[in-house]
Amino acid sequence: MSNLIRGLRGLALAMTGMAGSFAARAADTMESAYWNLPKGVTDISNEVWHLHMAAFWVCVVIAIVVFGVMFYSIFAHRRSKHPVPATFHHSTTVEIIWTIIPFVILIGLAVPAAGTLIKQYDTRNAEMTVKITGYQWKWQYEYVGEGVSFFSTLDPESNNARQLHSGIDPKTVPHYLHNTDNYLVLPVGKKVRFLLTSNDVIHGWWVPDLAIKKDAIPGYINEMWTQINEPGIYRGQCTVLCGRDHGFMPIVVHAMSAADYAAWLAKQKGGAEVAAAAPVVATDAAVDAPVAPAAAEAAPVEVAASSPAAAAPAAVDAKAGEKLFLGNCAACHQATGAGLPPTFPALTGSKVVAGPIDAQITQVLKGKNAMPPFAQLSDADIAAVVTYTRNNLGNKVGDTASAEQVKKLR
């Protein structure tokens, strides 16, 4: 029996090797086709691509054989040629053959696939770790042990173009809906371990060129890893329906040489206090708010923290504050601010809203009782929603919060 198993395994591996070799030769013209699986820029992505092509060509051969036999039977045994049908209905030999062949094919595909799958989950001996946290609708990247952290969200040009009646042709926007303000920067040739989680709902972090796709689940940490072989910019997106505006949550990875990455990291450490700030939009309502033209023109390619202009406090936008309130607060406090006592108190006439502005900002940042913290919002977003609640919903405090105030209270 052991000899039979070894023989079947050897036959399976031989068939897989032949299929893989055939796929490598026959699919060269398909490698760059936009409709095919990308070959990627990591060893794992290359293995996945070869497995995909081996399975594809096995399916092609099966289809040719099955349909060939079917069409031959239809033609050669048509009624006009064989008016009297055959009387046999069973063949043990045929049944054994069509049982063994699929078994061998499946084993031939399963053995190398299992090996690749084991490699994909092996995060040992990583040279650096990046924690990825999903938010509606942006990503936060924290370089563990380096003191560098920043948010990455939809770039201002795409955000402006996607607005209803914006008058901007999306075709004129480079990488429309597939570009971000801040890129995840990684070194080439180093094994990078990712710790993936979420702050609100389930998200999915997916970059095809890296052969990485993993869910970000609140209260749970998933692991994955990559080792990029070629410098470049690689794009992906959230793959889970994480709510309205899910389609505006892209991912961009910038792979650099070791020297360039070291210089970039040193630069971020030099501007650590800005790197911690969340850029541009953060929430359902905030993503809906058009970005000012000046902000769109100043959109950075790398981390916005390094730009002095990015550090300047943004003016409070009353309309943005209202949209932020409706998108984040109205579910509990109602659109009118009447609340749902006793769990969710009214904001109209609230002592917190009418009291010291710093105290309200702190509560929004850190939460209290049933109210969750909203520290994932940018400084400008929190300033806008605090200002809105203090001067609307039946309140007339008359003061204004600033992004600079929020930054000091974080």
Protein backbone atom coordinates (compact mmCIF):
# COMPACT_ATOMS: atom_id res chain seq x y z
CA MET A 1 0.00 0.00 0.00
CA SER A 2 2.84 2.40 0.89
CA ASN A 3 4.44 1.74 -2.49
CA LEU A 4 1.11 2.52 -4.19
CA ILE A 5 0.78 5.79 -2.26
CA ARG A 6 4.35 6.79 -3.12
CA GLY A 7 3.70 5.93 -6.75
CA LEU A 8 0.51 8.00 -6.89
CA ARG A 9 2.26 10.92 -5.18
CA GLY A 10 5.14 10.73 -7.64
CA LEU A 11 2.71 10.61 -10.56
CA ALA A 12 0.79 13.58 -9.13
CA LEU A 13 3.95 15.65 -8.70
CA ALA A 14 5.10 14.73 -12.19
CA MET A 15 1.76 15.79 -13.68
CA THR A 16 1.86 19.05 -11.70
CA GLY A 17 5.40 19.72 -12.91
CA MET A 18 4.38 19.07 -16.51
CA ALA A 19 1.32 21.31 -16.15
CA GLY A 20 3.39 24.04 -14.51
CA SER A 21 6.04 23.84 -17.23
CA PHE A 22 3.43 23.96 -19.94
CA ALA A 23 1.72 26.87 -18.18
CA ALA A 24 4.99 28.80 -17.89
CA ARG A 25 5.62 28.46 -21.62
CA ALA A 26 2.10 28.80 -22.94
CA ALA A 27 1.09 31.64 -20.63
CA ASP A 28 3.98 34.04 -21.27
CA THR A 29 1.70 36.09 -23.49
CA MET A 30 -0.92 36.12 -20.74
CA GLU A 31 1.39 37.36 -18.00
CA SER A 32 0.84 41.03 -18.68
CA ALA A 33 -2.81 40.70 -19.69
CA TYR A 34 -5.01 42.88 -17.52
CA TRP A 35 -7.61 40.13 -17.17
CA ASN A 36 -5.22 37.55 -15.75
CA LEU A 37 -4.03 37.09 -12.16
CA PRO A 38 -1.00 39.38 -11.61
CA LYS A 39 2.32 37.62 -11.19
CA GLY A 40 3.29 40.00 -8.42
CA VAL A 41 6.60 41.05 -6.92
CA THR A 42 7.12 38.55 -4.10
CA ASP A 43 8.20 34.90 -4.05
CA ILE A 44 4.81 33.90 -2.66
CA SER A 45 2.91 35.84 -5.33
CA ASN A 46 4.98 34.07 -7.99
CA GLU A 47 4.17 30.68 -6.47
CA VAL A 48 0.48 31.58 -6.33
CA TRP A 49 0.58 32.66 -9.98
CA HIS A 50 2.19 29.40 -11.10
CA LEU A 51 -0.35 27.39 -9.11
CA HIS A 52 -3.13 29.41 -10.70
CA MET A 53 -1.79 28.84 -14.20
CA ALA A 54 -1.24 25.10 -13.56
CA ALA A 55 -4.86 24.75 -12.41
CA PHE A 56 -6.02 26.84 -15.38
CA TRP A 57 -4.28 24.65 -17.95
CA VAL A 58 -5.43 21.47 -16.24
CA CYS A 59 -8.99 22.80 -16.57
CA VAL A 60 -8.33 23.66 -20.22
CA VAL A 61 -7.13 20.11 -20.95
CA ILE A 62 -10.11 18.62 -19.10
CA ALA A 63 -12.49 20.84 -21.05
CA ILE A 64 -10.92 19.86 -24.38
CA VAL A 65 -11.11 16.12 -23.54
CA VAL A 66 -14.66 16.21 -22.14
CA PHE A 67 -16.14 18.40 -24.86
CA GLY A 68 -14.14 16.53 -27.50
CA VAL A 69 -15.63 13.20 -26.40
CA MET A 70 -19.07 14.77 -26.13
CA PHE A 71 -19.00 16.32 -29.62
CA TYR A 72 -17.51 13.16 -31.11
CA SER A 73 -20.27 11.07 -29.53
CA ILE A 74 -22.96 13.45 -30.79
CA PHE A 75 -21.55 13.28 -34.33
CA ALA A 76 -20.45 9.64 -34.60
CA HIS A 77 -23.41 8.12 -32.79
CA ARG A 78 -26.21 10.27 -34.10
CA ARG A 79 -29.55 8.61 -34.76
CA SER A 80 -29.23 8.74 -38.55
CA LYS A 81 -26.04 6.67 -38.32
CA HIS A 82 -26.97 4.40 -35.39
CA PRO A 83 -30.76 4.19 -35.21
CA VAL A 84 -30.57 1.32 -32.72
CA PRO A 85 -28.89 2.38 -29.46
CA ALA A 86 -26.41 0.19 -27.63
CA THR A 87 -27.73 -1.96 -24.80
CA PHE A 88 -24.79 -1.73 -22.36
CA HIS A 89 -25.16 0.50 -19.30
CA HIS A 90 -22.16 -0.28 -17.09
CA SER A 91 -18.38 -0.47 -17.37
CA THR A 92 -16.32 -1.08 -14.24
CA THR A 93 -13.11 -0.22 -16.07
CA VAL A 94 -14.40 3.19 -17.20
CA GLU A 95 -15.65 4.00 -13.69
CA ILE A 96 -12.29 3.14 -12.15
CA ILE A 97 -10.49 5.28 -14.73
CA TRP A 98 -12.69 8.34 -14.24
CA THR A 99 -12.32 8.01 -10.47
CA ILE A 100 -8.53 7.62 -10.40
CA ILE A 101 -7.73 10.40 -12.89
CA PRO A 102 -9.54 13.20 -10.94
CA PHE A 103 -8.00 11.86 -7.71
CA VAL A 104 -4.50 12.08 -9.18
CA ILE A 105 -5.18 15.58 -10.55
CA LEU A 106 -6.45 16.83 -7.20
CA ILE A 107 -3.46 15.38 -5.34
CA GLY A 108 -1.15 16.91 -7.94
CA LEU A 109 -2.65 20.35 -7.32
CA ALA A 110 -3.12 19.99 -3.56
CA VAL A 111 0.47 19.04 -2.67
CA PRO A 112 2.20 22.21 -3.97
CA ALA A 113 -0.80 24.38 -2.94
CA ALA A 114 -0.54 23.15 0.66
CA GLY A 115 3.16 23.98 0.69
CA THR A 116 2.50 27.53 -0.51
CA LEU A 117 -0.33 27.96 2.00
CA ILE A 118 1.96 26.93 4.86
CA LYS A 119 4.53 29.51 3.71
CA GLN A 120 1.87 32.23 3.59
CA TYR A 121 1.06 31.72 7.26
CA ASP A 122 4.67 31.49 8.46
CA THR A 123 5.41 34.91 9.97
CA ARG A 124 8.50 33.75 11.88
CA ASN A 125 11.85 35.54 11.56
CA ALA A 126 10.28 38.80 10.43
CA GLU A 127 12.71 41.73 10.30
CA MET A 128 10.09 44.41 11.03
CA THR A 129 6.44 44.65 12.07
CA VAL A 130 3.71 47.01 10.90
CA LYS A 131 0.35 47.22 12.67
CA ILE A 132 -2.54 47.97 10.31
CA THR A 133 -5.84 49.25 11.74
CA GLY A 134 -8.93 49.69 9.57
CA TYR A 135 -11.34 52.59 10.07
CA GLN A 136 -14.37 53.78 8.15
CA TRP A 137 -12.89 54.73 5.70
CA LYS A 138 -9.12 54.83 6.01
CA TRP A 139 -6.13 52.84 7.27
CA GLN A 140 -3.73 53.54 10.10
CA TYR A 141 -0.15 52.25 9.82
CA GLU A 142 2.05 51.92 12.91
CA TYR A 143 5.69 50.89 12.56
CA VAL A 144 6.09 48.84 15.72
CA GLY A 145 9.13 49.86 17.74
CA GLU A 146 9.93 52.83 15.49
CA GLY A 147 7.55 55.46 16.92
CA VAL A 148 6.11 56.22 13.46
CA SER A 149 2.35 56.17 12.85
CA PHE A 150 0.07 57.83 10.32
CA PHE A 151 -3.29 57.50 8.59
CA SER A 152 -3.84 56.83 4.90
CA THR A 153 -7.04 57.88 3.18
CA LEU A 154 -8.43 58.61 -0.28
CA ASP A 155 -6.41 61.29 -2.06
CA PRO A 156 -8.04 64.75 -2.33
CA GLU A 157 -8.15 64.74 -6.16
CA SER A 158 -10.17 61.51 -6.26
CA ASN A 159 -12.36 62.72 -3.42
CA ASN A 160 -13.17 65.95 -5.26
CA ALA A 161 -13.85 64.18 -8.56
CA ARG A 162 -16.20 61.61 -7.04
CA GLN A 163 -18.56 64.24 -5.58
CA LEU A 164 -21.95 64.52 -7.23
CA HIS A 165 -22.02 67.33 -9.81
CA SER A 166 -18.31 68.02 -9.24
CA GLY A 167 -17.83 68.72 -12.94
CA ILE A 168 -14.50 66.86 -12.86
CA ASP A 169 -13.94 64.08 -15.36
CA PRO A 170 -12.60 61.08 -13.36
CA LYS A 171 -10.51 60.09 -16.39
CA THR A 172 -8.40 63.19 -15.82
CA VAL A 173 -7.52 62.12 -12.26
CA PRO A 174 -4.42 59.88 -12.04
CA HIS A 175 -5.26 56.53 -10.42
CA TYR A 176 -8.82 57.64 -9.72
CA LEU A 177 -10.09 56.02 -6.46
CA HIS A 178 -6.86 53.98 -6.29
CA ASN A 179 -4.59 56.60 -4.75
CA THR A 180 -4.05 57.79 -1.19
CA ASP A 181 -2.58 60.84 0.49
CA ASN A 182 -0.07 58.77 2.50
CA TYR A 183 1.59 55.59 1.23
CA LEU A 184 2.62 52.58 3.29
CA VAL A 185 6.38 52.62 2.76
CA LEU A 186 8.28 49.31 3.02
CA PRO A 187 11.86 48.23 2.32
CA VAL A 188 12.69 45.80 -0.48
CA GLY A 189 14.23 42.46 0.50
CA LYS A 190 13.07 42.45 4.13
CA LYS A 191 10.47 40.15 5.63
CA VAL A 192 7.70 42.40 6.95
CA ARG A 193 5.14 41.07 9.42
CA PHE A 194 1.70 42.70 9.50
CA LEU A 195 -0.64 42.76 12.50
CA LEU A 196 -4.11 43.49 11.18
CA THR A 197 -7.14 44.65 13.17
CA SER A 198 -10.06 47.09 12.95
CA ASN A 199 -11.44 49.90 15.09
CA ASP A 200 -15.07 49.64 13.97
CA VAL A 201 -16.34 47.09 11.41
CA ILE A 202 -14.73 44.31 9.38
CA HIS A 203 -12.41 45.53 6.62
CA GLY A 204 -10.24 43.61 4.16
CA TRP A 205 -6.62 44.55 3.33
CA TRP A 206 -5.75 43.41 -0.19
CA VAL A 207 -2.78 44.14 -2.44
CA PRO A 208 -2.77 41.78 -5.48
CA ASP A 209 0.90 42.32 -6.40
CA LEU A 210 1.91 41.12 -2.93
CA ALA A 211 -0.53 38.17 -2.90
CA ILE A 212 -1.92 39.46 0.40
CA LYS A 213 -5.58 39.47 1.38
CA LYS A 214 -6.62 39.36 5.01
CA ASP A 215 -9.63 40.54 7.01
CA ALA A 216 -9.29 43.24 9.68
CA ILE A 217 -11.69 42.25 12.48
CA PRO A 218 -12.54 44.40 15.55
CA GLY A 219 -11.11 42.93 18.75
CA TYR A 220 -9.02 40.37 16.87
CA ILE A 221 -5.51 40.44 15.40
CA ASN A 222 -4.72 38.64 12.16
CA GLU A 223 -1.18 38.08 10.94
CA MET A 224 0.33 38.07 7.46
CA TRP A 225 3.68 38.89 5.93
CA THR A 226 5.43 39.89 2.75
CA GLN A 227 8.91 40.28 1.32
CA ILE A 228 8.93 42.52 -1.74
CA ASN A 229 11.56 41.84 -4.40
CA GLU A 230 11.19 44.92 -6.61
CA PRO A 231 10.94 48.64 -5.76
CA GLY A 232 7.77 50.29 -6.98
CA ILE A 233 4.26 51.38 -6.10
CA TYR A 234 1.62 48.69 -5.67
CA ARG A 235 -2.09 49.38 -5.25
CA GLY A 236 -4.98 47.58 -3.62
CA GLN A 237 -8.18 48.28 -1.75
CA CYS A 238 -10.54 47.17 1.00
CA THR A 239 -12.34 44.01 -0.12
CA VAL A 240 -15.08 43.86 2.51
CA LEU A 241 -18.37 45.74 2.27
CA CYS A 242 -17.55 47.83 5.33
CA GLY A 243 -20.46 50.23 4.85
CA ARG A 244 -21.46 53.15 2.69
CA ASP A 245 -18.45 54.66 0.88
CA HIS A 246 -16.65 51.30 1.11
CA GLY A 247 -15.34 51.87 -2.42
CA PHE A 248 -13.32 54.89 -1.30
CA MET A 249 -10.81 53.04 0.88
CA PRO A 250 -7.77 52.32 -1.33
CA ILE A 251 -4.35 50.99 -0.32
CA VAL A 252 -1.01 52.09 -1.78
CA VAL A 253 2.31 50.43 -0.90
CA HIS A 254 5.58 52.12 -1.87
CA ALA A 255 8.50 49.66 -1.87
CA MET A 256 11.89 51.35 -1.56
CA SER A 257 15.49 50.24 -1.53
CA ALA A 258 16.99 49.70 1.93
CA ALA A 259 18.89 53.00 1.76
CA ASP A 260 15.88 55.02 0.61
CA TYR A 261 13.67 53.41 3.24
CA ALA A 262 16.19 54.20 6.00
CA ALA A 263 16.25 57.85 4.87
CA TRP A 264 12.43 57.98 4.77
CA LEU A 265 12.14 56.44 8.24
CA ALA A 266 14.64 58.89 9.68
CA LYS A 267 12.67 61.75 8.16
CA GLN A 268 9.43 60.48 9.72
CA LYS A 269 11.05 60.14 13.13
CA GLY A 270 12.19 63.72 12.82
CA GLY A 271 8.58 64.80 12.28
CA ALA A 272 7.00 62.27 14.64
CA GLU A 273 4.47 64.71 16.11
CA VAL A 274 3.00 65.39 12.67
CA ALA A 275 3.16 61.74 11.62
CA ALA A 276 0.65 60.87 14.31
CA ALA A 277 -1.97 63.20 12.88
CA ALA A 278 -4.75 61.85 10.68
CA PRO A 279 -4.83 63.46 7.22
CA VAL A 280 -7.85 64.66 5.28
CA VAL A 281 -11.13 62.77 5.63
CA ALA A 282 -12.00 60.09 8.12
CA THR A 283 -15.64 59.15 8.23
CA ASP A 284 -18.72 58.48 6.19
CA ALA A 285 -19.75 62.11 6.33
CA ALA A 286 -16.26 63.49 6.07
CA VAL A 287 -15.56 61.55 2.90
CA ASP A 288 -18.71 63.09 1.44
CA ALA A 289 -17.40 66.60 2.07
CA PRO A 290 -15.51 68.03 -0.96
CA VAL A 291 -11.90 68.95 -0.27
CA ALA A 292 -10.97 72.58 -0.77
CA PRO A 293 -9.07 73.20 -4.04
CA ALA A 294 -6.04 74.41 -2.11
CA ALA A 295 -5.90 71.10 -0.23
CA ALA A 296 -6.19 69.17 -3.46
CA GLU A 297 -3.29 71.05 -4.98
CA ALA A 298 -1.15 70.37 -1.95
CA ALA A 299 -1.84 66.61 -1.95
CA PRO A 300 1.41 64.82 -1.04
CA VAL A 301 2.76 61.70 -2.66
CA GLU A 302 4.45 60.44 0.47
CA VAL A 303 3.45 61.01 4.09
CA ALA A 304 1.81 64.41 4.35
CA ALA A 305 3.39 64.89 7.74
CA SER A 306 6.68 65.91 6.19
CA SER A 307 5.14 68.93 4.51
CA PRO A 308 4.93 72.18 6.51
CA ALA A 309 1.71 73.03 4.70
CA ALA A 310 0.13 69.80 5.92
CA ALA A 311 0.83 70.77 9.52
CA ALA A 312 -1.10 74.04 9.24
CA PRO A 313 -4.50 73.94 11.01
CA ALA A 314 -7.44 73.71 8.64
CA ALA A 315 -10.30 76.19 8.85
CA VAL A 316 -13.49 74.85 10.47
CA ASP A 317 -16.11 74.04 7.82
CA ALA A 318 -19.67 74.39 9.13
CA LYS A 319 -21.13 72.13 6.43
CA ALA A 320 -18.49 69.51 7.07
CA GLY A 321 -19.31 69.69 10.79
CA GLU A 322 -22.98 69.03 10.07
CA LYS A 323 -22.17 66.07 7.81
CA LEU A 324 -19.80 64.67 10.41
CA PHE A 325 -22.49 64.97 13.06
CA LEU A 326 -25.10 63.27 10.89
CA GLY A 327 -22.68 60.51 9.92
CA ASN A 328 -21.27 59.79 13.39
CA CYS A 329 -23.47 61.20 16.12
CA ALA A 330 -27.08 61.38 14.88
CA ALA A 331 -27.70 57.65 15.29
CA CYS A 332 -27.50 58.08 19.08
CA HIS A 333 -28.19 61.78 19.68
CA GLN A 334 -30.68 62.13 16.76
CA ALA A 335 -30.38 64.66 13.95
CA THR A 336 -32.16 67.28 16.06
CA GLY A 337 -29.87 66.76 19.04
CA ALA A 338 -32.78 65.54 21.19
CA GLY A 339 -30.95 62.32 22.08
CA LEU A 340 -32.41 59.06 23.38
CA PRO A 341 -32.34 59.44 27.18
CA PRO A 342 -31.21 57.97 29.47
CA THR A 343 -28.56 56.09 27.48
CA PHE A 344 -27.89 58.82 24.92
CA PRO A 345 -28.41 62.27 26.44
CA ALA A 346 -29.69 65.24 24.48
CA LEU A 347 -27.11 67.63 23.06
CA THR A 348 -29.61 70.48 23.00
CA GLY A 349 -28.99 72.40 26.22
CA SER A 350 -26.31 69.90 27.27
CA LYS A 351 -23.97 71.04 30.05
CA VAL A 352 -21.08 69.37 28.25
CA VAL A 353 -21.82 71.17 24.96
CA ALA A 354 -22.41 74.51 26.71
CA GLY A 355 -19.48 74.05 29.07
CA PRO A 356 -15.72 74.46 28.55
CA ILE A 357 -14.81 73.63 24.99
CA ASP A 358 -11.68 71.70 26.01
CA ALA A 359 -13.79 69.34 28.12
CA GLN A 360 -16.08 68.58 25.18
CA ILE A 361 -13.15 67.97 22.84
CA THR A 362 -11.60 65.60 25.40
CA GLN A 363 -14.85 63.64 25.70
CA VAL A 364 -15.12 63.31 21.93
CA LEU A 365 -11.52 62.12 21.77
CA LYS A 366 -11.67 59.66 24.67
CA GLY A 367 -15.35 58.78 24.94
CA LYS A 368 -17.45 58.32 28.07
CA ASN A 369 -19.86 55.61 29.23
CA ALA A 370 -21.75 54.38 26.12
CA MET A 371 -20.05 56.94 23.89
CA PRO A 372 -17.04 55.43 22.08
CA PRO A 373 -13.82 57.43 21.53
CA PHE A 374 -13.49 59.19 18.19
CA ALA A 375 -9.73 59.70 18.27
CA GLN A 376 -9.52 58.16 14.80
CA LEU A 377 -11.03 61.34 13.34
CA SER A 378 -8.63 64.01 12.17
CA ASP A 379 -8.08 67.14 14.25
CA ALA A 380 -9.99 69.23 11.71
CA ASP A 381 -12.94 66.80 11.72
CA ILE A 382 -13.28 66.86 15.51
CA ALA A 383 -12.98 70.66 15.56
CA ALA A 384 -15.73 70.89 12.93
CA VAL A 385 -18.21 68.61 14.70
CA VAL A 386 -17.59 70.20 18.13
CA THR A 387 -18.12 73.67 16.66
CA TYR A 388 -21.31 72.49 14.95
CA THR A 389 -22.84 71.06 18.14
CA ARG A 390 -22.00 74.19 20.15
CA ASN A 391 -23.65 76.56 17.67
CA ASN A 392 -26.54 74.48 16.29
CA LEU A 393 -29.13 71.97 17.51
CA GLY A 394 -30.64 74.71 19.68
CA ASN A 395 -27.27 75.69 21.17
CA LYS A 396 -25.73 79.15 20.77
CA VAL A 397 -22.45 79.08 22.68
CA GLY A 398 -20.76 81.27 20.10
CA ASP A 399 -17.23 79.87 20.25
CA THR A 400 -15.23 77.86 17.73
CA ALA A 401 -12.94 74.87 18.13
CA SER A 402 -9.73 74.68 16.14
CA ALA A 403 -7.69 71.75 14.88
CA GLU A 404 -4.76 73.09 16.89
CA GLN A 405 -6.81 72.84 20.12
CA VAL A 406 -7.72 69.23 19.33
CA LYS A 407 -4.10 68.39 18.60
CA LYS A 408 -2.99 69.68 22.01
CA LEU A 409 -5.64 67.62 23.81
CA ARG A 410 -4.90 64.30 22.10
